[in-house]
Amino acid sequence: MKIGTYQPNKRKRAKKHGFFARKETNILKRRRKKGRKELCK
């Protein structure tokens, strides 16, 4: 049986899209300036 494309992995997801991934670039600063309620997922 073939597996689907989405294989959830919390660690991998956090590393790619989490707060600390965003901190590396200046995305957070830009979103704060814009006044986003939620900085990142």
C-alpha atoms as a PDB file:
ATOM      1  CA  MET A   1       0.000   0.000   0.000  1.00  0.00           C
ATOM      2  CA  LYS A   2       1.263   3.444  -0.959  1.00  0.00           C
ATOM      3  CA  ILE A   3       1.554   6.026   1.816  1.00  0.00           C
ATOM      4  CA  GLY A   4       0.176   9.543   1.464  1.00  0.00           C
ATOM      5  CA  THR A   5       2.312  12.616   0.949  1.00  0.00           C
ATOM      6  CA  TYR A   6       1.760  14.243   4.348  1.00  0.00           C
ATOM      7  CA  GLN A   7       3.684  12.457   7.085  1.00  0.00           C
ATOM      8  CA  PRO A   8       3.275  14.684  10.164  1.00  0.00           C
ATOM      9  CA  ASN A   9       6.316  15.165  12.353  1.00  0.00           C
ATOM     10  CA  LYS A  10       6.149  17.779  15.123  1.00  0.00           C
ATOM     11  CA  ARG A  11       9.910  18.192  15.423  1.00  0.00           C
ATOM     12  CA  LYS A  12      10.431  18.693  11.696  1.00  0.00           C
ATOM     13  CA  ARG A  13       7.509  21.103  11.485  1.00  0.00           C
ATOM     14  CA  ALA A  14       8.729  23.199  14.397  1.00  0.00           C
ATOM     15  CA  LYS A  15      12.233  23.351  12.937  1.00  0.00           C
ATOM     16  CA  LYS A  16      10.905  24.578   9.602  1.00  0.00           C
ATOM     17  CA  HIS A  17       8.046  26.876  10.621  1.00  0.00           C
ATOM     18  CA  GLY A  18       8.371  27.428  14.364  1.00  0.00           C
ATOM     19  CA  PHE A  19       9.405  30.459  16.368  1.00  0.00           C
ATOM     20  CA  PHE A  20      13.107  29.696  16.370  1.00  0.00           C
ATOM     21  CA  ALA A  21      13.143  29.159  12.627  1.00  0.00           C
ATOM     22  CA  ARG A  22      11.544  32.595  12.209  1.00  0.00           C
ATOM     23  CA  LYS A  23      13.980  34.154  14.662  1.00  0.00           C
ATOM     24  CA  GLU A  24      16.920  33.342  12.391  1.00  0.00           C
ATOM     25  CA  THR A  25      15.598  35.719   9.725  1.00  0.00           C
ATOM     26  CA  ASN A  26      14.016  39.153  10.241  1.00  0.00           C
ATOM     27  CA  ILE A  27      10.458  37.932   9.677  1.00  0.00           C
ATOM     28  CA  LEU A  28       9.521  38.460  13.337  1.00  0.00           C
ATOM     29  CA  LYS A  29      10.679  42.059  13.337  1.00  0.00           C
ATOM     30  CA  ARG A  30       8.651  42.775  10.211  1.00  0.00           C
ATOM     31  CA  ARG A  31       5.535  41.109  11.619  1.00  0.00           C
ATOM     32  CA  ARG A  32       5.870  42.980  14.915  1.00  0.00           C
ATOM     33  CA  LYS A  33       6.134  46.267  13.046  1.00  0.00           C
ATOM     34  CA  LYS A  34       3.042  45.394  11.045  1.00  0.00           C
ATOM     35  CA  GLY A  35       1.250  44.678  14.323  1.00  0.00           C
ATOM     36  CA  ARG A  36       0.472  41.016  13.817  1.00  0.00           C
ATOM     37  CA  LYS A  37      -1.420  39.418  16.680  1.00  0.00           C
ATOM     38  CA  GLU A  38       0.261  36.077  16.022  1.00  0.00           C
ATOM     39  CA  LEU A  39       3.935  36.250  15.045  1.00  0.00           C
ATOM     40  CA  CYS A  40       4.237  32.668  13.922  1.00  0.00           C
ATOM     41  CA  LYS A  41       2.447  29.326  14.099  1.00  0.00           C
END
